[in-house]
Protein backbone atom coordinates (compact mmCIF):
# COMPACT_ATOMS: atom_id res chain seq x y z
CA MET A 1 26.48 49.11 -22.70
CA GLN A 2 30.02 47.93 -23.40
CA VAL A 3 31.51 50.73 -21.33
CA ASP A 4 29.10 50.04 -18.46
CA VAL A 5 29.91 46.33 -18.48
CA GLY A 6 33.64 47.10 -18.67
CA VAL A 7 33.46 49.47 -15.71
CA HIS A 8 31.61 46.95 -13.58
CA ARG A 9 34.07 44.18 -14.47
CA ALA A 10 37.03 46.41 -13.62
CA ILE A 11 35.48 47.10 -10.23
CA TYR A 12 35.00 43.37 -9.59
CA ARG A 13 38.63 42.62 -10.47
CA ALA A 14 39.88 45.48 -8.30
CA CYS A 15 38.08 44.26 -5.18
CA GLY A 16 40.93 41.89 -4.37
CA ASN A 17 38.62 38.98 -3.57
CA VAL A 18 38.52 36.38 -6.33
CA TYR A 19 35.37 34.71 -4.96
CA LEU A 20 33.49 37.99 -4.72
CA ALA A 21 34.71 38.99 -8.18
CA GLU A 22 33.56 35.70 -9.76
CA THR A 23 30.17 35.85 -8.04
CA SER A 24 29.70 39.48 -9.04
CA LEU A 25 30.59 38.65 -12.63
CA ARG A 26 27.98 35.90 -12.79
CA LEU A 27 25.31 38.19 -11.33
CA ASP A 28 26.38 41.01 -13.64
CA ASN A 29 25.95 38.77 -16.68
CA LEU A 30 22.35 38.14 -15.63
CA SER A 31 21.60 41.77 -14.81
CA THR A 32 23.09 42.89 -18.13
CA ARG A 33 20.67 40.58 -19.95
CA ILE A 34 17.76 42.06 -18.04
CA TRP A 35 19.09 45.59 -18.67
CA CYS A 36 19.28 44.96 -22.43
CA VAL A 37 15.68 43.75 -22.51
CA ALA A 38 14.32 46.67 -20.49
CA MET A 39 16.58 49.62 -21.27
CA HIS A 40 14.49 50.96 -24.14
CA ARG A 41 11.61 51.38 -21.67
CA LEU A 42 13.66 53.06 -18.97
CA PRO A 43 13.98 56.83 -18.74
CA GLY A 44 17.02 58.56 -17.33
CA LEU A 45 19.97 56.59 -18.66
CA THR A 46 22.02 59.78 -18.39
CA SER A 47 21.55 59.80 -14.63
CA HIS A 48 22.80 56.20 -14.50
CA VAL A 49 26.06 57.27 -16.14
CA THR A 50 26.42 60.22 -13.75
CA GLU A 51 25.82 57.98 -10.75
CA SER A 52 28.39 55.48 -12.01
CA ARG A 53 30.93 58.28 -12.25
CA GLU A 54 30.23 59.35 -8.67
CA MET A 55 30.65 55.74 -7.55
CA LEU A 56 33.98 55.40 -9.36
CA ASP A 57 35.22 58.72 -7.96
CA ALA A 58 34.43 57.53 -4.43
CA MET A 59 36.24 54.24 -5.03
CA LEU A 60 39.29 55.88 -6.58
CA THR A 61 39.64 58.42 -3.78
CA GLY A 62 39.29 55.72 -1.10
CA ASP A 63 35.98 57.02 0.27
CA ASP A 64 34.79 53.53 1.17
CA ASP A 65 31.67 54.62 3.04
CA ARG A 66 30.49 56.82 0.17
CA ALA A 67 31.30 54.11 -2.38
CA ALA A 68 29.34 51.52 -0.39
CA GLU A 69 26.40 53.91 -0.10
CA LEU A 70 26.41 54.58 -3.85
CA VAL A 71 26.74 50.89 -4.75
CA ALA A 72 23.81 50.00 -2.49
CA ARG A 73 21.73 52.79 -4.01
CA ASP A 74 22.67 51.70 -7.53
CA VAL A 75 21.57 48.13 -6.88
CA ALA A 76 18.30 49.23 -5.25
CA GLU A 77 17.49 51.67 -8.07
CA PHE A 78 18.29 49.04 -10.72
CA GLU A 79 15.94 46.57 -9.08
CA SER A 80 13.19 49.15 -8.69
CA SER A 81 13.51 50.38 -12.26
CA ILE A 82 13.48 46.90 -13.73
CA ARG A 83 10.48 45.85 -11.65
CA THR A 84 8.46 48.81 -12.97
CA VAL A 85 8.98 47.86 -16.63
CA LEU A 86 8.78 44.07 -16.48
């Protein structure tokens, strides 16, 4: 969890937009709370790590379209997964 939170926070800081970074941090704090409550009921945490790596690779190589696609998918899958267990 600490690594996941750290990765997300690094991404927010790197975006270059202080307002977006602060808003993302606030939302991430809330989603991390939800994640901690539900994670023991969620299968496939390994795939989450793999997907995060793909997202970071796309960001680091400057593939903005791929990064945006992966971020959108990550958010949608998080919401769907959480809704199924809550």
